[in-house]
Amino acid sequence: MKRRDFVQLTGAGIAGSILSFPTFGNPVSVDKLVEPFLSVAAKKQLADVALNTAKLLGATYTDVRIGRYLNQFISTRENKVQNIVNTESFGVGIRVIANGTWGFAATNAVTNEGVKMATEQAVRIAKANSKYQKEPVVLAPNEGHGEVSWNTPLQKNSLEVPVAEKVDLLLRANSEALKNGASFANSNLFQVNEQKYFASTDGSYIDQDIHRIWPTFTVSVTDRASGKFKSRAAMSAPMGMGYEYMIPKPEDKLPGPSGMVLYRNSYDIIEDAAIAARQAKEMISAKSVEPGKYDLVLEPNHLGLTIHESVGHPLELDRILGYEANYAGTSFATLDKLKSGTFNYGSKQVNIFADKTQAGSLGAVGYDDEGVKAKRWDLIKAGIFVNVEAIRDQVHIVGQKESHGCCYAQSWSDVQFQRMPNVSLAPGQEPYSSAQMIKDVEKGIYIAGRGSYSIDQQRYNFQFGGTAFYEIKNGEITGMLNDVAYQSNTQEFWNSCAKICDEKDYRLFGSFFDGKGQPSQISAVSHGSSTSRFNGVNVINTGRTI
C-alpha cells in the first residue's frame, strides 16, 4: 500500500464524520432558525424549579443548562446544490452532587413538570452512584455572578442571511475554481448558534448566545495524459463570528508565496478558490521532495493543527490522569514534569497560553458550562511547562483553588466535562515578517494549510502533512513540492522553534469537530499563532511505498 493511498483513505473517513454532524437535532424549516427563544424570565423560572427540587431532595450542589442548539449546513458541487440541512435541538440538562457524588439527567420536556422529573432522576442517579464512589467530589469554589449575559460580538447573524445568498456565494466560488483550471470543485458552509442558559446553586443565572461559522472547499485538478490528480483545500479558518467573516476586507489579507493569499479576520472564498485551482495545477508537475533535514517555515493555518495535537490535547488534565486512556490515550506530559517546574517543553521562544476570551475564536465565551468566568492562563512559559487545562472538580489534584473555566458539553442532553480551551502560540516580540523569515532560510520548506497527520497515544511521536509546500533555497522560494510530511517528537519539535513572526502575522486556525470522551462529544476550538520557523526537522517523502 502506498502512503498517499493510505492518506487519502484516512481523509475520506474524516470527511464522512464531518458531514454527519449537521444531523444533530431535529430537521426544521429555515424560518425556525431565527425564531425567538424563551424569555430570560421564563428560563430563570424553569431553572429555579430544578434548583429548589434538588435542594429538597438533599443535593448539596446543582446546575441547570437550558439549551437551544441551531445548525445550518449548505453543500454544493460545481454548479449544483447537494444539500441544505437545518436542525434544532432544545432541552434541559441537570447535574447534581448528592452524597458527594455526581448525578446527571436530561429532558426535552421543557416544562415545570418535565424539569422536576429530570431533577429527581439526577438525584436518584447520584445517590445510586455514591455506593461505589471512593472519594467525594471536591469542587473548587466559584463565586456566583448573579443575572448576567454574554453574546458573540456579531455584525451580521449568519442564520438571518437568506439561503439563496449563501448558495450563490458558494456556487460562484466553484465557478471561479473551474474557470482557473479545476476539474472538480465542492464547497460547504457550516453555521452554528448555541443559545445557552446556565443557573447554579452558587447564585449564577447566565444567558449566552454563541455563534460559529466555517466556509470551506476542496478543488481538484486531473491530468488525463498522466493520470495524475491533485487537490487543494480552502485556506479559511472556522471562526467564532457571524456572516461578516464572509465579507472580505483588504486589510485582512496577507501575501503568501507564489501568489498565495492568507486570510485573517475575514475571508474571500471566491479569490481563494481561484488561487487553489491554479496551485493544484502547479502541483501536478511539482517535483517530489527529497527526504532529509530541513528548516520548516510553518504558517498559522498549518501550525494550528500541530499545536492542537502536540500541546492542546496532552495538557488536558483528564488525559494526563488517564481518564481518556480507553478512547484516545494518555499524555507524556505527566504531573511530575509539571510539579518539577523545570520541564523543557520547547525553546525559550515558545510561549503557549490558553484563552477562552480571544475575540473571533471558536472557544470564545463569557462563561463556561460550569458558570466559571472565561479567562487566559499560561501553559508553557519561555519553553517551560507551567500549567494544565482543568475544571472545578480537577484543580485540587494539581494544588490549585480556581477552575480554568474550560468545561463544555456539546448539547443540553450531554454532561459537561473538561474540554480543550483555545490554545495559542504567542507571537514574537520583535518586528519580523514571514518574508524576512524566508530570506533567512538556506535550505527549507514553507508549509501552508492542514493535511493528514498521525500522533501516538501519548501525544509524543508524530507526523504531519499539509496543503501546499514550497521549497526554499538560499532565501528564495524556488517552486512547489509534493509528498511532504515531517516527523518528530513533541519535545524535540518545540525545542527546534528558532523564530516567530510578530503580531502582524498572527492568525487563528480552528477545529470545528474536536472529538473526545465516551460517549463521544464534539467541541470547537481555535489555535492562534504567527508564522514560525523550526530548524533541522526530519522530512519524509509520503509518495514512496510503506
Protein backbone atom coordinates (compact mmCIF):
# COMPACT_ATOMS: atom_id res chain seq x y z
CA MET A 1 0.00 0.00 0.00
CA LYS A 2 1.38 3.41 -0.93
CA ARG A 3 1.48 6.09 1.75
CA ARG A 4 -0.51 8.56 -0.41
CA ASP A 5 -3.32 5.97 -0.78
CA PHE A 6 -3.40 5.50 2.99
CA VAL A 7 -3.60 9.27 3.50
CA GLN A 8 -6.49 9.62 1.01
CA LEU A 9 -8.47 6.80 2.63
CA THR A 10 -7.94 8.32 6.08
CA GLY A 11 -9.04 11.74 4.81
CA ALA A 12 -12.22 10.26 3.37
CA GLY A 13 -13.11 8.88 6.80
CA ILE A 14 -12.63 12.28 8.40
CA ALA A 15 -14.80 13.92 5.76
CA GLY A 16 -17.55 11.41 6.45
CA SER A 17 -17.56 12.19 10.16
CA ILE A 18 -17.78 15.91 9.44
CA LEU A 19 -20.77 15.51 7.14
CA SER A 20 -22.63 13.53 9.80
CA PHE A 21 -22.56 16.44 12.26
CA PRO A 22 -25.48 18.55 10.92
CA THR A 23 -27.91 15.69 11.59
CA PHE A 24 -27.65 16.50 15.31
CA GLY A 25 -31.13 17.70 16.37
CA ASN A 26 -34.43 17.66 14.53
CA PRO A 27 -34.87 18.93 10.96
CA VAL A 28 -36.67 22.28 10.90
CA SER A 29 -37.61 24.94 8.37
CA VAL A 30 -35.11 27.72 7.77
CA ASP A 31 -37.55 30.20 9.34
CA LYS A 32 -37.33 28.30 12.63
CA LEU A 33 -33.64 29.17 12.94
CA VAL A 34 -34.41 32.85 13.53
CA GLU A 35 -37.46 32.49 15.76
CA PRO A 36 -37.11 33.95 19.29
CA PHE A 37 -36.20 31.64 22.15
CA LEU A 38 -37.74 31.55 25.63
CA SER A 39 -37.53 34.83 27.54
CA VAL A 40 -34.83 35.14 30.19
CA ALA A 41 -37.55 35.32 32.85
CA ALA A 42 -39.09 32.04 31.63
CA LYS A 43 -35.69 30.31 31.65
CA LYS A 44 -34.95 31.55 35.17
CA GLN A 45 -38.31 30.24 36.39
CA LEU A 46 -37.61 26.78 34.93
CA ALA A 47 -34.08 26.76 36.37
CA ASP A 48 -35.44 27.58 39.84
CA VAL A 49 -37.71 24.54 39.64
CA ALA A 50 -34.62 22.35 39.28
CA LEU A 51 -32.59 24.18 41.94
CA ASN A 52 -35.37 24.04 44.51
CA THR A 53 -36.31 20.42 43.79
CA ALA A 54 -32.70 19.22 44.10
CA LYS A 55 -32.24 21.08 47.39
CA LEU A 56 -35.37 19.47 48.87
CA LEU A 57 -34.04 16.05 47.87
CA GLY A 58 -30.70 16.59 49.63
CA ALA A 59 -28.39 17.69 46.80
CA THR A 60 -25.52 19.87 48.01
CA TYR A 61 -24.87 21.37 44.55
CA THR A 62 -26.98 21.72 41.40
CA ASP A 63 -26.52 23.31 37.99
CA VAL A 64 -29.04 23.60 35.18
CA ARG A 65 -28.40 24.15 31.46
CA ILE A 66 -31.31 25.11 29.24
CA GLY A 67 -30.09 24.92 25.66
CA ARG A 68 -31.31 25.56 22.15
CA TYR A 69 -28.80 24.42 19.52
CA LEU A 70 -29.27 25.53 15.91
CA ASN A 71 -27.30 24.29 12.89
CA GLN A 72 -27.33 25.03 9.18
CA PHE A 73 -25.18 23.19 6.66
CA ILE A 74 -25.03 24.01 2.94
CA SER A 75 -23.16 21.80 0.49
CA THR A 76 -22.53 22.41 -3.22
CA ARG A 77 -20.59 20.78 -6.04
CA GLU A 78 -19.71 22.50 -9.31
CA ASN A 79 -22.99 24.22 -10.35
CA LYS A 80 -25.37 22.23 -8.15
CA VAL A 81 -26.63 22.38 -4.58
CA GLN A 82 -26.09 18.99 -2.97
CA ASN A 83 -27.72 19.54 0.40
CA ILE A 84 -29.19 22.11 2.77
CA VAL A 85 -29.76 20.95 6.34
CA ASN A 86 -31.39 22.96 9.15
CA THR A 87 -31.65 21.44 12.63
CA GLU A 88 -32.80 22.46 16.09
CA SER A 89 -32.28 20.72 19.44
CA PHE A 90 -33.94 22.06 22.60
CA GLY A 91 -33.92 20.73 26.15
CA VAL A 92 -32.60 20.85 29.71
CA GLY A 93 -29.64 19.12 31.38
CA ILE A 94 -29.45 18.94 35.19
CA ARG A 95 -26.34 18.00 37.16
CA VAL A 96 -26.27 17.49 40.93
CA ILE A 97 -23.98 16.39 43.73
CA ALA A 98 -25.71 14.22 46.32
CA ASN A 99 -23.88 12.10 48.92
CA GLY A 100 -20.65 13.53 47.48
CA THR A 101 -21.31 12.06 44.02
CA TRP A 102 -22.30 13.39 40.59
CA GLY A 103 -25.67 12.61 39.04
CA PHE A 104 -26.98 13.83 35.69
CA ALA A 105 -30.25 13.66 33.79
CA ALA A 106 -31.73 15.50 30.81
CA THR A 107 -35.13 16.03 29.22
CA ASN A 108 -36.68 17.62 26.17
CA ALA A 109 -39.90 18.17 28.13
CA VAL A 110 -39.17 21.83 28.86
CA THR A 111 -41.98 22.34 31.36
CA ASN A 112 -42.10 22.68 35.13
CA GLU A 113 -43.13 19.03 35.47
CA GLY A 114 -40.55 17.81 32.96
CA VAL A 115 -37.73 19.70 34.71
CA LYS A 116 -38.87 18.45 38.14
CA MET A 117 -38.91 14.82 36.98
CA ALA A 118 -35.43 15.11 35.40
CA THR A 119 -34.06 16.67 38.60
CA GLU A 120 -35.48 13.86 40.69
CA GLN A 121 -33.83 11.36 38.34
CA ALA A 122 -30.46 13.14 38.58
CA VAL A 123 -30.56 12.98 42.39
CA ARG A 124 -31.51 9.28 42.33
CA ILE A 125 -28.60 8.57 39.99
CA ALA A 126 -26.16 10.46 42.24
CA LYS A 127 -27.30 8.55 45.34
CA ALA A 128 -27.05 5.23 43.50
CA ASN A 129 -23.57 6.09 42.24
CA SER A 130 -22.45 7.09 45.74
CA LYS A 131 -22.43 3.44 46.81
CA TYR A 132 -19.41 2.93 44.56
CA GLN A 133 -17.69 6.32 44.98
CA LYS A 134 -14.39 6.01 46.86
CA GLU A 135 -13.85 9.75 47.47
CA PRO A 136 -16.35 12.63 47.46
CA VAL A 137 -16.33 15.19 44.63
CA VAL A 138 -14.17 18.20 45.53
CA LEU A 139 -15.40 21.35 43.78
CA ALA A 140 -13.22 24.44 43.57
CA PRO A 141 -15.15 27.47 44.83
CA ASN A 142 -16.83 29.64 42.21
CA GLU A 143 -18.35 32.99 43.01
CA GLY A 144 -21.94 33.43 41.84
CA HIS A 145 -22.31 36.04 39.10
CA GLY A 146 -25.99 36.90 39.56
CA GLU A 147 -28.02 37.59 36.41
CA VAL A 148 -25.60 38.25 33.53
CA SER A 149 -25.44 37.71 29.76
CA TRP A 150 -22.80 37.33 27.04
CA ASN A 151 -23.13 37.31 23.25
CA THR A 152 -20.66 36.59 20.45
CA PRO A 153 -19.90 40.07 19.05
CA LEU A 154 -21.78 39.95 15.73
CA GLN A 155 -22.05 42.37 12.86
CA LYS A 156 -24.31 40.03 10.87
CA ASN A 157 -26.10 36.91 12.11
CA SER A 158 -25.31 34.22 9.54
CA LEU A 159 -28.62 32.43 10.10
CA GLU A 160 -30.50 35.60 9.16
CA VAL A 161 -28.76 35.80 5.77
CA PRO A 162 -31.03 34.36 3.02
CA VAL A 163 -30.05 30.84 2.00
CA ALA A 164 -30.11 31.91 -1.67
CA GLU A 165 -27.38 34.48 -0.98
CA LYS A 166 -25.15 31.90 0.71
CA VAL A 167 -25.74 29.31 -2.01
CA ASP A 168 -24.90 31.89 -4.68
CA LEU A 169 -21.59 32.68 -2.95
CA LEU A 170 -20.59 29.01 -2.79
CA LEU A 171 -21.54 28.39 -6.43
CA ARG A 172 -19.56 31.46 -7.51
CA ALA A 173 -16.52 30.06 -5.68
CA ASN A 174 -16.95 26.73 -7.50
CA SER A 175 -17.31 28.56 -10.82
CA GLU A 176 -14.16 30.58 -10.22
CA ALA A 177 -12.21 27.42 -9.46
CA LEU A 178 -13.44 25.80 -12.69
CA LYS A 179 -12.53 28.90 -14.72
CA ASN A 180 -8.99 28.67 -13.36
CA GLY A 181 -8.45 25.05 -14.34
CA ALA A 182 -10.12 22.93 -11.66
CA SER A 183 -11.71 19.70 -12.84
CA PHE A 184 -13.94 19.44 -9.78
CA ALA A 185 -14.98 21.84 -7.03
CA ASN A 186 -17.16 21.46 -3.98
CA SER A 187 -17.84 23.98 -1.22
CA ASN A 188 -19.58 23.92 2.14
CA LEU A 189 -20.78 26.35 4.77
CA PHE A 190 -21.32 25.29 8.40
CA GLN A 191 -23.16 27.63 10.78
CA VAL A 192 -23.87 27.05 14.48
CA ASN A 193 -25.81 29.03 17.09
CA GLU A 194 -25.81 27.88 20.72
CA GLN A 195 -28.40 29.65 22.90
CA LYS A 196 -27.49 28.57 26.42
CA TYR A 197 -28.85 29.44 29.84
CA PHE A 198 -26.94 28.34 32.95
CA ALA A 199 -28.06 28.51 36.58
CA SER A 200 -26.49 27.04 39.71
CA THR A 201 -26.74 26.96 43.48
CA ASP A 202 -23.65 29.23 43.50
CA GLY A 203 -26.01 32.07 42.61
CA SER A 204 -25.42 32.40 38.83
CA TYR A 205 -28.07 32.95 36.16
CA ILE A 206 -26.13 33.26 32.88
CA ASP A 207 -27.66 33.77 29.43
CA GLN A 208 -25.31 33.31 26.43
CA ASP A 209 -25.75 33.49 22.64
CA ILE A 210 -22.78 31.91 20.83
CA HIS A 211 -22.19 31.83 17.05
CA ARG A 212 -19.68 29.98 14.86
CA ILE A 213 -19.12 29.77 11.10
CA TRP A 214 -16.93 27.70 8.78
CA PRO A 215 -16.69 28.14 5.00
CA THR A 216 -14.59 25.51 3.28
CA PHE A 217 -13.99 23.89 -0.11
CA THR A 218 -11.88 21.38 -1.98
CA VAL A 219 -10.83 21.79 -5.62
CA SER A 220 -9.19 19.05 -7.68
CA VAL A 221 -7.30 19.08 -10.95
CA THR A 222 -6.85 15.95 -13.08
CA ASP A 223 -4.29 15.44 -15.80
CA ARG A 224 -5.73 12.83 -18.14
CA ALA A 225 -2.49 12.32 -20.02
CA SER A 226 -0.54 11.26 -16.95
CA GLY A 227 -3.45 10.00 -14.84
CA LYS A 228 -2.38 12.28 -12.00
CA PHE A 229 -4.67 14.42 -9.87
CA LYS A 230 -4.07 16.96 -7.12
CA SER A 231 -6.40 18.67 -4.65
CA ARG A 232 -6.15 21.85 -2.63
CA ALA A 233 -8.40 22.69 0.33
CA ALA A 234 -9.52 26.14 1.43
CA MET A 235 -7.23 28.43 3.42
CA SER A 236 -10.16 29.55 5.56
CA ALA A 237 -10.41 29.09 9.30
CA PRO A 238 -13.59 28.29 11.23
CA MET A 239 -14.35 31.31 13.40
CA GLY A 240 -16.47 32.45 16.31
CA MET A 241 -18.04 35.18 14.20
CA GLY A 242 -21.10 35.99 12.13
CA TYR A 243 -21.51 36.37 8.38
CA GLU A 244 -19.14 39.37 8.43
CA TYR A 245 -16.36 36.77 8.11
CA MET A 246 -17.60 36.08 4.57
CA ILE A 247 -17.27 39.74 3.54
CA PRO A 248 -13.60 40.20 2.54
CA LYS A 249 -11.66 43.22 3.73
CA PRO A 250 -8.36 44.16 2.04
CA GLU A 251 -6.64 44.79 5.36
CA ASP A 252 -7.27 41.17 6.40
CA LYS A 253 -5.28 39.72 3.51
CA LEU A 254 -1.63 38.74 3.89
CA PRO A 255 0.55 37.81 0.91
CA GLY A 256 1.94 34.29 0.82
CA PRO A 257 4.49 32.71 -1.53
CA SER A 258 3.87 32.48 -5.30
CA GLY A 259 0.58 34.36 -5.34
CA MET A 260 -1.00 32.63 -2.33
CA VAL A 261 -3.19 34.86 -0.15
CA LEU A 262 -3.65 34.18 3.56
CA TYR A 263 -6.67 35.45 5.48
CA ARG A 264 -7.10 36.77 8.99
CA ASN A 265 -10.44 38.19 10.27
CA SER A 266 -12.40 37.98 7.03
CA TYR A 267 -12.29 35.59 4.10
CA ASP A 268 -12.55 35.84 0.32
CA ILE A 269 -13.79 32.39 -0.70
CA ILE A 270 -14.01 33.31 -4.40
CA GLU A 271 -10.43 34.56 -4.58
CA ASP A 272 -9.14 31.59 -2.60
CA ALA A 273 -10.95 29.11 -4.86
CA ALA A 274 -9.33 30.64 -7.95
CA ILE A 275 -5.87 30.53 -6.37
CA ALA A 276 -6.50 26.96 -5.21
CA ALA A 277 -7.23 25.79 -8.75
CA ARG A 278 -4.03 27.38 -10.08
CA GLN A 279 -2.00 25.86 -7.26
CA ALA A 280 -3.50 22.41 -7.78
CA LYS A 281 -2.46 22.64 -11.46
CA GLU A 282 1.05 23.60 -10.39
CA MET A 283 1.17 20.63 -8.00
CA ILE A 284 0.63 18.22 -10.91
CA SER A 285 4.11 18.94 -12.27
CA ALA A 286 5.83 19.84 -8.99
CA LYS A 287 8.80 17.72 -8.03
CA SER A 288 8.71 15.19 -5.22
CA VAL A 289 10.59 16.15 -2.07
CA GLU A 290 13.97 14.66 -1.27
CA PRO A 291 13.89 13.29 2.29
CA GLY A 292 16.22 14.85 4.81
CA LYS A 293 16.60 17.61 7.40
CA TYR A 294 15.02 20.96 6.56
CA ASP A 295 14.24 24.23 8.28
CA LEU A 296 10.44 24.45 8.22
CA VAL A 297 8.53 27.72 7.85
CA LEU A 298 5.03 26.91 9.11
CA GLU A 299 2.16 29.37 8.59
CA PRO A 300 -0.65 29.58 11.21
CA ASN A 301 -3.32 27.71 9.25
CA HIS A 302 -0.93 24.75 9.29
CA LEU A 303 0.75 25.21 12.67
CA GLY A 304 -2.59 25.39 14.48
CA LEU A 305 -3.19 21.67 13.95
CA THR A 306 0.27 20.82 15.30
CA ILE A 307 -0.46 22.96 18.37
CA HIS A 308 -3.82 21.23 18.79
CA GLU A 309 -2.38 17.72 18.75
CA SER A 310 1.01 18.18 20.45
CA VAL A 311 0.11 20.81 23.08
CA GLY A 312 -3.67 21.19 23.41
CA HIS A 313 -4.52 17.52 23.96
CA PRO A 314 -1.53 16.40 26.05
CA LEU A 315 -2.10 19.24 28.55
CA GLU A 316 -5.71 18.25 29.29
CA LEU A 317 -5.61 17.16 32.93
CA ASP A 318 -8.11 14.32 32.48
CA ARG A 319 -5.91 12.86 29.73
CA ILE A 320 -2.82 13.20 31.96
CA LEU A 321 -4.69 11.35 34.74
CA GLY A 322 -5.61 8.50 32.38
CA TYR A 323 -9.35 9.21 32.04
CA GLU A 324 -9.04 9.17 28.23
CA ALA A 325 -6.81 6.10 28.01
CA ASN A 326 -9.55 3.79 26.72
CA TYR A 327 -10.60 6.13 23.92
CA ALA A 328 -7.72 8.39 22.91
CA GLY A 329 -4.68 7.60 25.02
CA THR A 330 -2.78 9.36 27.80
CA SER A 331 -0.07 12.03 27.83
CA PHE A 332 3.69 12.17 28.04
CA ALA A 333 3.27 15.47 29.97
CA THR A 334 2.88 13.78 33.36
CA LEU A 335 2.24 15.53 36.69
CA ASP A 336 5.82 15.01 37.90
CA LYS A 337 7.01 17.09 34.93
CA LEU A 338 4.58 19.86 35.87
CA LYS A 339 5.50 19.79 39.55
CA SER A 340 9.22 19.95 38.81
CA GLY A 341 8.78 23.44 37.35
CA THR A 342 11.75 22.81 35.06
CA PHE A 343 10.47 20.53 32.30
CA ASN A 344 11.72 21.87 28.98
CA TYR A 345 8.72 21.56 26.61
CA GLY A 346 10.21 23.89 23.99
CA SER A 347 12.79 26.56 23.25
CA LYS A 348 12.81 29.92 25.04
CA GLN A 349 10.87 31.42 22.11
CA VAL A 350 7.89 29.18 22.90
CA ASN A 351 5.16 30.82 25.00
CA ILE A 352 1.86 28.98 24.74
CA PHE A 353 -1.28 30.15 26.50
CA ALA A 354 -4.90 29.10 26.92
CA ASP A 355 -7.54 31.77 26.41
CA LYS A 356 -11.32 31.44 26.39
CA THR A 357 -11.73 35.17 25.72
CA GLN A 358 -9.93 35.50 22.34
CA ALA A 359 -12.07 37.63 20.02
CA GLY A 360 -13.21 35.72 16.94
CA SER A 361 -12.10 32.36 18.29
CA LEU A 362 -14.30 29.26 18.29
CA GLY A 363 -13.88 28.80 22.03
CA ALA A 364 -14.75 32.37 22.99
CA VAL A 365 -17.45 32.54 25.67
CA GLY A 366 -18.24 34.71 28.64
CA TYR A 367 -18.64 31.73 30.98
CA ASP A 368 -18.05 28.00 30.64
CA ASP A 369 -20.66 25.28 31.21
CA GLU A 370 -19.97 25.32 34.95
CA GLY A 371 -20.60 29.05 35.22
CA VAL A 372 -16.89 29.90 35.55
CA LYS A 373 -15.90 33.23 34.01
CA ALA A 374 -13.68 32.80 30.95
CA LYS A 375 -10.03 33.79 31.27
CA ARG A 376 -6.47 33.42 29.95
CA TRP A 377 -3.63 31.45 31.57
CA ASP A 378 -0.12 30.28 30.64
CA LEU A 379 0.63 26.66 29.74
CA ILE A 380 4.23 26.95 28.55
CA LYS A 381 6.33 29.96 29.50
CA ALA A 382 9.72 30.58 27.88
CA GLY A 383 9.71 26.88 26.97
CA ILE A 384 8.88 25.59 30.46
CA PHE A 385 5.76 23.52 31.20
CA VAL A 386 3.90 25.58 33.86
CA ASN A 387 0.19 24.61 33.85
CA VAL A 388 -2.54 22.35 32.51
CA GLU A 389 -6.20 22.62 31.45
CA ALA A 390 -8.57 21.76 34.32
CA ILE A 391 -12.09 22.33 35.66
CA ARG A 392 -13.77 22.66 39.07
CA ASP A 393 -13.56 19.04 40.24
CA GLN A 394 -9.97 18.60 38.98
CA VAL A 395 -7.87 21.60 40.02
CA HIS A 396 -7.35 20.39 43.60
CA ILE A 397 -5.35 17.50 42.11
CA VAL A 398 -2.69 19.97 40.94
CA GLY A 399 -2.87 22.04 44.12
CA GLN A 400 -4.92 24.88 42.63
CA LYS A 401 -8.04 26.53 44.04
CA GLU A 402 -9.67 28.00 40.93
CA SER A 403 -11.12 26.35 37.82
CA HIS A 404 -9.61 27.33 34.48
CA GLY A 405 -13.10 27.71 33.01
CA CYS A 406 -12.84 25.11 30.24
CA CYS A 407 -15.85 22.88 30.91
CA TYR A 408 -18.19 22.21 27.97
CA ALA A 409 -20.99 19.92 26.76
CA GLN A 410 -21.93 19.59 23.10
CA SER A 411 -25.65 19.77 23.93
CA TRP A 412 -28.20 20.03 26.74
CA SER A 413 -28.51 16.22 26.76
CA ASP A 414 -24.78 15.61 27.37
CA VAL A 415 -22.98 16.01 30.67
CA GLN A 416 -20.36 18.74 30.66
CA PHE A 417 -16.72 17.79 31.15
CA GLN A 418 -13.20 19.13 30.67
CA ARG A 419 -12.51 20.28 27.10
CA MET A 420 -9.60 21.97 25.41
CA PRO A 421 -9.73 25.78 25.52
CA ASN A 422 -8.25 27.92 22.77
CA VAL A 423 -4.52 27.12 22.94
CA SER A 424 -2.22 29.52 21.12
CA LEU A 425 1.45 30.30 20.47
CA ALA A 426 2.29 33.88 21.40
CA PRO A 427 3.77 35.99 18.56
CA GLY A 428 7.36 37.17 18.59
CA GLN A 429 8.16 40.45 20.32
CA GLU A 430 10.45 41.88 17.63
CA PRO A 431 9.19 43.18 14.26
CA TYR A 432 9.65 40.25 11.87
CA SER A 433 7.62 39.20 8.80
CA SER A 434 7.21 35.87 7.05
CA ALA A 435 9.05 37.33 4.01
CA GLN A 436 12.03 38.11 6.24
CA MET A 437 11.86 34.62 7.71
CA ILE A 438 12.03 33.00 4.26
CA LYS A 439 15.07 35.15 3.40
CA ASP A 440 16.84 33.79 6.48
CA VAL A 441 16.43 30.14 5.40
CA GLU A 442 19.17 28.42 3.38
CA LYS A 443 17.52 25.00 2.93
CA GLY A 444 13.90 24.72 3.92
CA ILE A 445 10.24 24.15 3.13
CA TYR A 446 7.32 26.54 3.56
CA ILE A 447 4.13 24.66 4.54
CA ALA A 448 0.63 26.15 4.37
CA GLY A 449 -2.72 24.64 5.35
CA ARG A 450 -3.74 21.45 7.10
CA GLY A 451 -3.14 17.93 5.88
CA SER A 452 -3.04 14.38 7.14
CA TYR A 453 -1.42 13.68 10.49
CA SER A 454 -0.61 10.88 12.90
CA ILE A 455 0.37 11.06 16.58
CA ASP A 456 0.90 8.35 19.16
CA GLN A 457 -1.29 7.67 22.19
CA GLN A 458 0.92 9.73 24.50
CA ARG A 459 0.95 12.71 22.12
CA TYR A 460 4.71 12.42 21.72
CA ASN A 461 5.85 10.92 18.39
CA PHE A 462 4.10 12.41 15.38
CA GLN A 463 3.91 13.02 11.65
CA PHE A 464 2.22 15.99 9.94
CA GLY A 465 1.49 16.82 6.31
CA GLY A 466 -0.05 19.99 4.87
CA THR A 467 -1.96 21.51 1.95
CA ALA A 468 0.72 23.33 -0.06
CA PHE A 469 4.51 23.01 0.08
CA TYR A 470 7.21 25.31 -1.32
CA GLU A 471 10.91 24.68 -1.49
CA ILE A 472 13.19 27.38 -0.06
CA LYS A 473 16.78 27.66 -1.31
CA ASN A 474 19.17 30.39 -0.21
CA GLY A 475 16.36 32.62 0.99
CA GLU A 476 14.14 32.26 -2.07
CA ILE A 477 11.01 30.26 -2.92
CA THR A 478 12.02 28.08 -5.88
CA GLY A 479 8.77 26.22 -6.58
CA MET A 480 6.20 23.81 -5.23
CA LEU A 481 6.91 20.38 -3.78
CA ASN A 482 4.88 17.20 -3.47
CA ASP A 483 4.77 14.30 -1.00
CA VAL A 484 5.96 16.28 2.06
CA ALA A 485 5.47 15.29 5.69
CA TYR A 486 7.63 15.94 8.73
CA GLN A 487 8.33 13.62 11.65
CA SER A 488 9.42 14.49 15.16
CA ASN A 489 8.51 14.13 18.80
CA THR A 490 6.75 16.87 20.73
CA GLN A 491 9.67 17.94 22.89
CA GLU A 492 12.24 17.80 20.07
CA PHE A 493 9.94 19.71 17.72
CA TRP A 494 9.10 22.59 20.06
CA ASN A 495 12.74 22.89 21.10
CA SER A 496 13.63 23.35 17.42
CA CYS A 497 11.49 26.53 17.28
CA ALA A 498 14.02 29.22 16.39
CA LYS A 499 11.97 32.26 15.35
CA ILE A 500 8.36 33.51 15.45
CA CYS A 501 6.92 36.36 13.39
CA ASP A 502 5.38 39.34 15.16
CA GLU A 503 1.71 40.02 15.95
CA LYS A 504 1.02 41.49 12.49
CA ASP A 505 1.21 37.94 11.16
CA TYR A 506 -0.93 36.43 13.96
CA ARG A 507 -3.95 34.41 12.75
CA LEU A 508 -6.35 31.77 14.03
CA PHE A 509 -6.72 28.15 12.93
CA GLY A 510 -9.73 26.19 14.17
CA SER A 511 -11.05 22.70 14.76
CA PHE A 512 -14.84 22.65 14.32
CA PHE A 513 -15.33 19.00 15.30
CA ASP A 514 -12.84 18.09 18.01
CA GLY A 515 -13.88 14.72 19.42
CA LYS A 516 -13.35 13.47 22.97
CA GLY A 517 -14.90 11.32 25.67
CA GLN A 518 -17.07 8.23 25.98
CA PRO A 519 -19.80 8.68 24.89
CA SER A 520 -18.02 10.88 22.38
CA GLN A 521 -18.77 14.60 22.18
CA ILE A 522 -17.50 17.28 19.82
CA SER A 523 -16.41 20.84 20.57
CA ALA A 524 -14.97 23.74 18.59
CA VAL A 525 -11.63 25.31 19.47
CA SER A 526 -9.17 27.77 17.91
CA HIS A 527 -5.38 27.98 17.92
CA GLY A 528 -3.60 31.23 17.14
CA SER A 529 -0.02 31.74 16.04
CA SER A 530 2.24 33.71 13.75
CA THR A 531 4.38 32.10 11.07
CA SER A 532 7.18 30.21 12.84
CA ARG A 533 10.48 28.56 11.91
CA PHE A 534 11.60 25.18 13.17
CA ASN A 535 15.21 24.23 12.41
CA GLY A 536 16.53 20.85 11.33
CA VAL A 537 13.27 18.88 11.24
CA ASN A 538 13.16 15.44 9.59
CA VAL A 539 11.13 15.45 6.34
CA ILE A 540 9.99 12.25 4.64
CA ASN A 541 8.58 11.51 1.18
CA THR A 542 4.98 10.27 1.50
CA GLY A 543 4.81 9.09 -2.11
CA ARG A 544 7.12 6.17 -1.52
CA THR A 545 5.78 2.75 -0.53
CA ILE A 546 5.47 1.96 3.17
